[in-house]
Amino acid sequence: MLVKSFISIRFLVVFCLMCFWQNVVAAKPVVGLHETTQTITQSVNNLQLQSTPQPDLKPAAEIVKTPGFVPAPPDFDVQAYILIDANSGYVIAEKNADQHLPPASLTKVMALYLIADALRSERIRPTDMVSISENAWRTGGSRMFIKVGSGVSVQDLISGIVTASGNDATVSMAEHLAGSEESFVNLMNQTARNLGMNNTNFTDSNGLPNNSHYSTARDLSLLSQAWISNFPEYYPWFKEKWIVYNGIKQPNRNRLLWRDSTVDGIKTGHTDEAGYCLAASAVRNNMRLISVVLGAKNDEARTKYSAALLNYGFRFFETKKLFATNTSLVTPRVWLGKEKTAALGLKNDLYITLPVGQHSAVKANADVGKQLKAPIVKGKSYGVLNIALDGKIIASKPLIALRDNNRANFIFSLYDYVLMLFQR
């Protein structure tokens, strides 16, 4: 018995010494515990990754607003506006973007968001017939001209909401989805909170005048961004130019659809209180921008100002995808695991918007924990990817594990424990 125990102990000692010789003495130093900077061989778009951020990096959200990079954004006679990149979310230009204002029929963008979600989850189908209530039929404002008691397909009602901005169609869909417009509005407000629209409150599904019904240019840009990202298969609704229903032909009031072939949405709005409003989006050279204009003096003004904002963004800024989702960007050493390294990457594609010509100066650094120990859990964050320009951080994203790395058995764990002692 003692002989067997002695042999086992000798085996473990010899095994650990061999591992120590192989990994500490005979081999190159193990990187990942004490080195302050580790250059990773993998690069994307000529950006090198490092294990820790440079010490002089500091947040600088104002980096692209420095005078001299681009002209000042245009100033318009409107209540508020904002221009963002749809992929990066970067705000290119803004005016009173957080001011509470009546959104008029831009409210319907949220109603359509809930309709798209219901279609995606197959709670409704485009061919479903909706019975038109007297309440919906009596709704004032712009109309699709549906008849009380008739049956209208979901698809026709969607066209009526998007193209004709029909309040009667919107209330019909609200009642069809939630039983009543009041319940549907509750869903609208819950969804607004989930999307980060913290300065928005809806009191109806259409945007009719009410002091408690408000939003902001920023919140409406977030909604537009979420719409395009989450429901790309339904987004073509917004570029329909005409609707013919009940013998009446009505045009889409978004004049940019006729003036600019790169524009494919989104929605107009108007009441006496709100003025003329327009959320627009366009794609040029694989770059999508979203503009929101609130409180213009007339239809022509909202169209002209929206076009000017989009032109400004496309002319002086560019957006590039630096790293793709689920791509291994850095592989730090993992102790006590079945695998010696962990593949870390991003949950979502990383886009960066900068003034034209500045992307070549962008640097990427990965700040990873100095002593990662198994188990490594897929999807959990184990570091941060910092994107810097001129020594200042312009974006930071969590580095997540792309796959699990379970704990190794006792023998190999003991071997790692010995190595870790020599690495301290």
Protein backbone atom coordinates (compact mmCIF):
# COMPACT_ATOMS: atom_id res chain seq x y z
CA MET A 1 0.00 0.00 0.00
CA LEU A 2 2.80 2.41 0.98
CA VAL A 3 4.73 1.42 -2.11
CA LYS A 4 1.78 2.23 -4.36
CA SER A 5 1.27 5.62 -2.67
CA PHE A 6 4.96 6.38 -3.00
CA ILE A 7 4.89 5.51 -6.70
CA SER A 8 1.81 7.71 -7.26
CA ILE A 9 3.45 10.67 -5.51
CA ARG A 10 6.65 10.16 -7.53
CA PHE A 11 4.58 10.06 -10.71
CA LEU A 12 2.82 13.33 -9.89
CA VAL A 13 6.09 15.05 -8.98
CA VAL A 14 7.81 13.86 -12.15
CA PHE A 15 4.76 14.82 -14.23
CA CYS A 16 4.65 18.33 -12.78
CA LEU A 17 8.41 18.80 -13.23
CA MET A 18 8.16 17.69 -16.87
CA CYS A 19 5.29 20.10 -17.45
CA PHE A 20 7.22 22.88 -15.76
CA TRP A 21 10.30 22.20 -17.92
CA GLN A 22 8.22 22.05 -21.10
CA ASN A 23 6.16 25.18 -20.47
CA VAL A 24 8.44 27.41 -18.37
CA VAL A 25 12.07 26.53 -19.02
CA ALA A 26 12.24 24.94 -22.46
CA ALA A 27 9.36 26.83 -24.02
CA LYS A 28 8.72 30.50 -24.64
CA PRO A 29 7.20 32.43 -21.73
CA VAL A 30 3.47 32.03 -21.27
CA VAL A 31 1.76 35.27 -22.16
CA GLY A 32 -1.23 36.51 -20.21
CA LEU A 33 -0.27 37.07 -16.57
CA HIS A 34 2.18 39.91 -16.13
CA GLU A 35 2.84 41.37 -19.58
CA THR A 36 1.32 44.85 -19.92
CA THR A 37 0.95 44.67 -23.70
CA GLN A 38 0.49 41.64 -25.92
CA THR A 39 0.24 42.17 -29.66
CA ILE A 40 -2.15 39.66 -31.19
CA THR A 41 -1.29 38.45 -34.66
CA GLN A 42 -4.89 38.62 -35.89
CA SER A 43 -5.90 41.93 -37.43
CA VAL A 44 -9.07 43.10 -39.14
CA ASN A 45 -9.07 46.00 -41.59
CA ASN A 46 -5.43 46.65 -40.63
CA LEU A 47 -6.33 47.15 -36.96
CA GLN A 48 -4.04 45.44 -34.45
CA LEU A 49 -5.40 44.03 -31.23
CA GLN A 50 -3.46 44.34 -27.98
CA SER A 51 -4.06 42.69 -24.64
CA THR A 52 -4.41 45.95 -22.71
CA PRO A 53 -5.39 49.48 -23.70
CA GLN A 54 -2.69 52.10 -24.06
CA PRO A 55 -2.32 54.01 -20.76
CA ASP A 56 -3.09 57.42 -22.27
CA LEU A 57 -6.48 56.38 -23.68
CA LYS A 58 -9.41 58.33 -22.25
CA PRO A 59 -13.06 58.70 -23.23
CA ALA A 60 -13.68 61.33 -25.90
CA ALA A 61 -17.24 61.31 -27.22
CA GLU A 62 -16.58 64.71 -28.76
CA ILE A 63 -13.75 63.44 -30.97
CA VAL A 64 -15.43 63.99 -34.36
CA LYS A 65 -16.85 67.36 -33.33
CA THR A 66 -13.44 69.00 -33.21
CA PRO A 67 -13.43 72.15 -35.38
CA GLY A 68 -11.67 71.67 -38.69
CA PHE A 69 -12.64 68.07 -39.33
CA VAL A 70 -15.97 68.82 -41.01
CA PRO A 71 -18.17 71.88 -41.53
CA ALA A 72 -20.67 72.72 -38.81
CA PRO A 73 -23.98 70.94 -39.36
CA PRO A 74 -26.75 72.94 -41.02
CA ASP A 75 -29.14 74.97 -38.88
CA PHE A 76 -32.80 74.89 -39.85
CA ASP A 77 -35.94 76.68 -38.73
CA VAL A 78 -37.44 73.62 -37.05
CA GLN A 79 -38.25 72.67 -33.48
CA ALA A 80 -35.75 69.79 -33.43
CA TYR A 81 -33.80 67.42 -35.62
CA ILE A 82 -31.28 64.59 -35.42
CA LEU A 83 -29.13 62.66 -37.89
CA ILE A 84 -27.68 59.27 -36.94
CA ASP A 85 -25.98 56.32 -38.59
CA ALA A 86 -28.31 53.33 -38.54
CA ASN A 87 -25.58 50.74 -37.89
CA SER A 88 -23.26 52.48 -35.42
CA GLY A 89 -25.92 54.64 -33.79
CA TYR A 90 -23.51 57.57 -33.95
CA VAL A 91 -25.14 61.00 -33.77
CA ILE A 92 -23.79 63.06 -36.68
CA ALA A 93 -25.85 66.19 -36.06
CA GLU A 94 -28.62 67.29 -33.73
CA LYS A 95 -30.70 70.25 -32.58
CA ASN A 96 -32.92 70.15 -29.48
CA ALA A 97 -32.88 66.38 -29.86
CA ASP A 98 -34.14 65.75 -26.31
CA GLN A 99 -36.92 68.35 -26.27
CA HIS A 100 -40.40 66.94 -25.62
CA LEU A 101 -42.49 67.61 -28.72
CA PRO A 102 -45.70 66.26 -30.29
CA PRO A 103 -44.71 63.60 -32.84
CA ALA A 104 -47.99 63.63 -34.79
CA SER A 105 -48.23 60.61 -37.11
CA LEU A 106 -44.63 59.55 -36.45
CA THR A 107 -46.43 57.81 -33.59
CA LYS A 108 -47.57 55.29 -36.17
CA VAL A 109 -43.97 54.06 -36.56
CA MET A 110 -44.37 52.51 -33.11
CA ALA A 111 -47.80 51.10 -33.99
CA LEU A 112 -46.27 49.51 -37.08
CA TYR A 113 -43.39 48.14 -34.98
CA LEU A 114 -45.90 46.20 -32.88
CA ILE A 115 -47.72 45.02 -36.00
CA ALA A 116 -44.44 43.77 -37.50
CA ASP A 117 -43.67 41.94 -34.26
CA ALA A 118 -47.08 40.26 -34.34
CA LEU A 119 -46.50 39.15 -37.94
CA ARG A 120 -43.03 37.85 -37.14
CA SER A 121 -44.36 35.78 -34.24
CA GLU A 122 -47.28 34.59 -36.41
CA ARG A 123 -49.91 35.94 -34.03
CA ILE A 124 -51.49 37.51 -37.11
CA ARG A 125 -51.19 36.93 -40.85
CA PRO A 126 -51.31 39.41 -43.74
CA THR A 127 -54.45 37.74 -45.07
CA ASP A 128 -56.37 37.90 -41.79
CA MET A 129 -59.56 39.92 -42.09
CA VAL A 130 -60.16 42.68 -39.54
CA SER A 131 -63.69 43.79 -38.68
CA ILE A 132 -63.90 47.58 -38.69
CA SER A 133 -65.53 49.01 -35.57
CA GLU A 134 -67.52 52.21 -35.41
CA ASN A 135 -64.89 53.59 -33.04
CA ALA A 136 -62.18 53.12 -35.67
CA TRP A 137 -64.40 54.43 -38.45
CA ARG A 138 -65.17 57.62 -36.52
CA THR A 139 -61.51 58.45 -35.78
CA GLY A 140 -60.71 61.93 -37.07
CA GLY A 141 -57.71 63.16 -39.03
CA SER A 142 -56.17 61.50 -42.07
CA ARG A 143 -58.09 58.46 -43.24
CA MET A 144 -57.88 55.32 -45.35
CA PHE A 145 -61.67 55.55 -45.85
CA ILE A 146 -62.58 52.09 -44.60
CA LYS A 147 -66.25 51.34 -43.92
CA VAL A 148 -67.73 50.47 -40.56
CA GLY A 149 -68.69 46.80 -40.29
CA SER A 150 -66.60 45.77 -43.28
CA GLY A 151 -63.73 43.29 -43.25
CA VAL A 152 -60.31 44.57 -44.33
CA SER A 153 -57.15 42.47 -44.62
CA VAL A 154 -54.21 43.11 -42.32
CA GLN A 155 -52.02 43.83 -45.36
CA ASP A 156 -54.43 46.48 -46.66
CA LEU A 157 -54.61 48.12 -43.25
CA ILE A 158 -50.80 48.19 -43.07
CA SER A 159 -50.69 49.98 -46.42
CA GLY A 160 -53.36 52.34 -45.16
CA ILE A 161 -51.27 53.20 -42.10
CA VAL A 162 -47.96 53.60 -43.93
CA THR A 163 -49.01 55.28 -47.16
CA ALA A 164 -52.27 57.05 -46.39
CA SER A 165 -51.40 57.61 -42.71
CA GLY A 166 -54.92 56.46 -41.96
CA ASN A 167 -55.96 56.98 -38.36
CA ASP A 168 -58.95 54.71 -38.97
CA ALA A 169 -56.63 51.92 -40.14
CA THR A 170 -54.32 52.34 -37.14
CA VAL A 171 -57.14 52.12 -34.60
CA SER A 172 -58.53 49.07 -36.41
CA MET A 173 -55.19 47.27 -36.10
CA ALA A 174 -54.80 48.38 -32.47
CA GLU A 175 -58.18 46.88 -31.61
CA HIS A 176 -57.41 43.73 -33.59
CA LEU A 177 -54.09 43.14 -31.81
CA ALA A 178 -54.89 44.20 -28.25
CA GLY A 179 -58.68 44.24 -27.95
CA SER A 180 -58.80 48.00 -27.47
CA GLU A 181 -56.75 51.03 -28.45
CA GLU A 182 -56.06 51.71 -24.76
CA SER A 183 -54.46 48.30 -24.28
CA PHE A 184 -52.50 48.73 -27.49
CA VAL A 185 -51.16 52.09 -26.26
CA ASN A 186 -49.95 50.36 -23.10
CA LEU A 187 -47.98 47.98 -25.31
CA MET A 188 -46.59 50.94 -27.23
CA ASN A 189 -45.31 52.57 -24.04
CA GLN A 190 -43.84 49.31 -22.73
CA THR A 191 -42.01 48.83 -26.01
CA ALA A 192 -40.76 52.41 -25.90
CA ARG A 193 -39.18 51.73 -22.49
CA ASN A 194 -37.59 48.52 -23.78
CA LEU A 195 -36.04 50.43 -26.69
CA GLY A 196 -34.60 53.12 -24.43
CA MET A 197 -37.13 55.77 -25.50
CA ASN A 198 -37.13 57.32 -22.04
CA ASN A 199 -38.54 60.70 -23.12
CA THR A 200 -41.61 59.35 -24.89
CA ASN A 201 -45.20 58.85 -23.79
CA PHE A 202 -48.08 57.80 -26.02
CA THR A 203 -51.78 58.39 -25.28
CA ASP A 204 -53.17 57.04 -28.56
CA SER A 205 -51.99 55.00 -31.55
CA ASN A 206 -52.07 57.89 -34.05
CA GLY A 207 -50.50 60.99 -32.52
CA LEU A 208 -53.57 63.18 -32.27
CA PRO A 209 -53.03 66.33 -30.16
CA ASN A 210 -52.72 65.69 -26.42
CA ASN A 211 -50.39 67.46 -23.97
CA SER A 212 -49.44 64.08 -22.47
CA HIS A 213 -48.52 62.62 -25.87
CA TYR A 214 -44.91 63.47 -26.68
CA SER A 215 -41.57 62.20 -27.89
CA THR A 216 -38.18 63.56 -28.94
CA ALA A 217 -36.12 63.54 -32.10
CA ARG A 218 -33.60 61.26 -30.39
CA ASP A 219 -36.20 58.76 -29.23
CA LEU A 220 -37.80 58.63 -32.67
CA SER A 221 -34.39 57.97 -34.22
CA LEU A 222 -33.90 55.07 -31.77
CA LEU A 223 -37.28 53.68 -32.81
CA SER A 224 -36.43 54.04 -36.50
CA GLN A 225 -33.06 52.35 -35.94
CA ALA A 226 -34.70 49.46 -34.08
CA TRP A 227 -37.33 49.12 -36.81
CA ILE A 228 -34.74 48.78 -39.56
CA SER A 229 -32.53 46.44 -37.54
CA ASN A 230 -35.19 44.17 -36.08
CA PHE A 231 -37.67 43.88 -38.95
CA PRO A 232 -35.73 44.18 -42.23
CA GLU A 233 -38.20 41.89 -44.02
CA TYR A 234 -41.05 44.33 -43.35
CA TYR A 235 -39.15 47.58 -43.78
CA PRO A 236 -40.02 47.82 -47.53
CA TRP A 237 -43.53 48.81 -46.41
CA PHE A 238 -42.23 52.33 -45.98
CA LYS A 239 -41.25 52.91 -49.60
CA GLU A 240 -44.73 52.30 -51.05
CA LYS A 241 -45.64 55.43 -53.01
CA TRP A 242 -49.35 54.90 -53.58
CA ILE A 243 -52.37 53.21 -52.08
CA VAL A 244 -55.68 52.61 -53.85
CA TYR A 245 -58.56 51.58 -51.60
CA ASN A 246 -62.30 52.01 -51.81
CA GLY A 247 -61.87 53.69 -55.19
CA ILE A 248 -59.62 56.39 -53.70
CA LYS A 249 -55.95 56.77 -54.72
CA GLN A 250 -53.67 58.43 -52.18
CA PRO A 251 -49.93 59.19 -52.39
CA ASN A 252 -47.30 58.65 -49.74
CA ARG A 253 -46.68 62.10 -48.25
CA ASN A 254 -42.94 61.46 -47.99
CA ARG A 255 -41.85 63.50 -51.01
CA LEU A 256 -38.27 62.25 -50.71
CA LEU A 257 -39.41 58.91 -52.13
CA TRP A 258 -39.93 60.70 -55.46
CA ARG A 259 -36.94 63.06 -55.27
CA ASP A 260 -34.15 60.75 -54.08
CA SER A 261 -33.85 57.13 -55.20
CA THR A 262 -31.65 56.29 -52.20
CA VAL A 263 -34.47 57.14 -49.75
CA ASP A 264 -36.67 54.20 -48.74
CA GLY A 265 -38.69 55.54 -45.79
CA ILE A 266 -39.88 56.26 -43.24
CA LYS A 267 -42.93 58.31 -42.19
CA THR A 268 -44.43 61.78 -42.24
CA GLY A 269 -46.55 63.49 -39.60
CA HIS A 270 -48.50 66.70 -39.25
CA THR A 271 -50.87 68.44 -36.88
CA ASP A 272 -51.26 72.14 -36.17
CA GLU A 273 -49.55 71.62 -32.81
CA ALA A 274 -46.70 69.44 -34.10
CA GLY A 275 -46.02 71.23 -37.36
CA TYR A 276 -44.62 69.19 -40.22
CA CYS A 277 -42.52 66.17 -39.22
CA LEU A 278 -40.55 63.58 -41.15
CA ALA A 279 -38.47 60.54 -40.23
CA ALA A 280 -36.40 59.57 -43.27
CA SER A 281 -33.76 57.01 -44.13
CA ALA A 282 -31.45 56.46 -47.08
CA VAL A 283 -28.63 54.14 -48.13
CA ARG A 284 -25.60 55.21 -50.16
CA ASN A 285 -22.40 53.20 -50.58
CA ASN A 286 -23.53 50.63 -47.99
CA MET A 287 -24.03 53.38 -45.39
CA ARG A 288 -27.51 53.94 -43.96
CA LEU A 289 -28.49 57.19 -42.27
CA ILE A 290 -31.65 58.13 -40.38
CA SER A 291 -32.91 61.70 -40.02
CA VAL A 292 -35.78 63.00 -37.90
CA VAL A 293 -37.15 66.50 -38.38
CA LEU A 294 -39.84 67.85 -36.03
CA GLY A 295 -41.80 71.07 -36.21
CA ALA A 296 -41.03 72.37 -39.70
CA LYS A 297 -43.17 75.21 -41.05
CA ASN A 298 -44.55 73.37 -44.06
CA ASP A 299 -44.33 70.22 -46.17
CA GLU A 300 -41.65 71.58 -48.48
CA ALA A 301 -39.50 72.68 -45.53
CA ARG A 302 -39.50 69.27 -43.84
CA THR A 303 -38.60 67.64 -47.18
CA LYS A 304 -35.82 70.09 -47.99
CA TYR A 305 -34.30 70.01 -44.51
CA SER A 306 -34.37 66.22 -44.35
CA ALA A 307 -32.62 66.00 -47.72
CA ALA A 308 -29.99 68.50 -46.58
CA LEU A 309 -29.30 66.52 -43.39
CA LEU A 310 -28.88 63.26 -45.30
CA ASN A 311 -26.59 64.92 -47.87
CA TYR A 312 -24.48 66.42 -45.09
CA GLY A 313 -24.02 63.06 -43.41
CA PHE A 314 -23.18 61.15 -46.57
CA ARG A 315 -20.78 63.83 -47.81
CA PHE A 316 -18.67 64.32 -44.71
CA PHE A 317 -18.92 61.03 -42.80
CA GLU A 318 -18.41 57.36 -43.49
CA THR A 319 -19.24 54.19 -41.58
CA LYS A 320 -17.19 51.01 -41.69
CA LYS A 321 -17.65 47.61 -40.12
CA LEU A 322 -14.48 46.96 -38.13
CA PHE A 323 -15.28 43.54 -36.67
CA ALA A 324 -17.94 40.92 -37.35
CA THR A 325 -20.01 39.15 -34.75
CA ASN A 326 -18.89 35.71 -33.49
CA THR A 327 -15.39 36.16 -34.91
CA SER A 328 -12.42 35.28 -32.70
CA LEU A 329 -10.49 38.50 -32.08
CA VAL A 330 -8.20 37.48 -29.22
CA THR A 331 -7.26 34.10 -27.66
CA PRO A 332 -5.91 34.63 -24.12
CA ARG A 333 -4.44 31.84 -22.00
CA VAL A 334 -6.96 29.94 -19.86
CA TRP A 335 -5.85 28.13 -16.71
CA LEU A 336 -7.39 24.90 -15.42
CA GLY A 337 -9.38 24.39 -18.62
CA LYS A 338 -9.64 21.55 -21.10
CA GLU A 339 -8.45 24.01 -23.73
CA LYS A 340 -5.45 26.26 -23.11
CA THR A 341 -7.01 29.33 -24.73
CA ALA A 342 -10.39 31.05 -25.02
CA ALA A 343 -11.74 32.54 -28.24
CA LEU A 344 -13.13 35.99 -27.42
CA GLY A 345 -15.19 38.11 -29.81
CA LEU A 346 -18.17 40.44 -30.10
CA LYS A 347 -21.88 39.79 -29.64
CA ASN A 348 -22.77 42.10 -32.55
CA ASP A 349 -21.04 43.56 -35.57
CA LEU A 350 -19.03 46.65 -34.64
CA TYR A 351 -19.51 49.70 -36.87
CA ILE A 352 -17.70 52.99 -36.43
CA THR A 353 -18.77 56.33 -37.96
CA LEU A 354 -16.10 58.98 -38.47
CA PRO A 355 -15.37 61.93 -40.71
CA VAL A 356 -14.22 60.83 -44.15
CA GLY A 357 -10.58 59.71 -44.18
CA GLN A 358 -10.10 59.08 -40.46
CA HIS A 359 -10.66 55.32 -40.29
CA SER A 360 -7.04 54.59 -41.23
CA ALA A 361 -5.90 56.08 -37.92
CA VAL A 362 -8.19 53.92 -35.77
CA LYS A 363 -6.56 51.50 -33.31
CA ALA A 364 -8.11 48.51 -31.54
CA ASN A 365 -6.98 47.20 -28.16
CA ALA A 366 -8.29 44.26 -26.18
CA ASP A 367 -8.24 44.59 -22.39
CA VAL A 368 -8.46 41.02 -21.08
CA GLY A 369 -8.26 39.67 -17.54
CA LYS A 370 -4.73 38.72 -16.50
CA GLN A 371 -5.57 35.27 -15.17
CA LEU A 372 -8.58 33.64 -16.80
CA LYS A 373 -9.62 30.40 -15.11
CA ALA A 374 -11.97 27.72 -16.32
CA PRO A 375 -14.82 27.21 -16.58
CA ILE A 376 -15.25 29.74 -19.40
CA VAL A 377 -18.93 30.25 -20.22
CA LYS A 378 -20.08 30.98 -23.76
CA GLY A 379 -21.59 34.45 -24.05
CA LYS A 380 -20.06 35.77 -20.82
CA SER A 381 -17.82 38.85 -20.94
CA TYR A 382 -14.12 38.37 -20.13
CA GLY A 383 -12.69 41.63 -21.42
CA VAL A 384 -13.28 44.84 -23.32
CA LEU A 385 -12.45 45.86 -26.88
CA ASN A 386 -11.50 49.54 -27.02
CA ILE A 387 -11.50 51.46 -30.30
CA ALA A 388 -9.30 54.56 -30.22
CA LEU A 389 -8.53 57.48 -32.48
CA ASP A 390 -5.61 59.81 -31.73
CA GLY A 391 -5.13 58.14 -28.36
CA LYS A 392 -8.74 58.63 -27.25
CA ILE A 393 -11.36 55.92 -26.86
CA ILE A 394 -14.31 56.41 -29.21
CA ALA A 395 -16.03 53.05 -28.61
CA SER A 396 -15.87 50.17 -26.11
CA LYS A 397 -17.54 46.77 -26.45
CA PRO A 398 -17.50 43.67 -24.21
CA LEU A 399 -15.41 40.73 -25.39
CA ILE A 400 -17.45 37.58 -24.87
CA ALA A 401 -16.48 33.91 -24.95
CA LEU A 402 -17.49 32.34 -28.25
CA ARG A 403 -17.59 28.81 -26.82
CA ASP A 404 -17.47 26.98 -23.50
CA ASN A 405 -14.21 25.81 -21.98
CA ASN A 406 -14.90 23.41 -19.12
CA ARG A 407 -12.65 22.60 -16.18
CA ALA A 408 -9.93 20.02 -16.86
CA ASN A 409 -9.54 16.86 -14.80
CA PHE A 410 -7.51 16.73 -11.57
CA ILE A 411 -4.17 15.83 -13.16
CA PHE A 412 -4.16 18.63 -15.72
CA SER A 413 -5.55 21.10 -13.18
CA LEU A 414 -2.68 20.22 -10.84
CA TYR A 415 -0.25 20.84 -13.68
CA ASP A 416 -1.76 24.31 -14.26
CA TYR A 417 -1.64 25.11 -10.55
CA VAL A 418 2.10 24.38 -10.57
CA LEU A 419 2.64 26.58 -13.62
CA MET A 420 0.64 29.39 -12.04
CA LEU A 421 2.89 29.30 -8.99
CA PHE A 422 5.96 29.88 -11.15
CA GLN A 423 4.21 32.64 -13.08
CA ARG A 424 3.42 34.76 -10.02
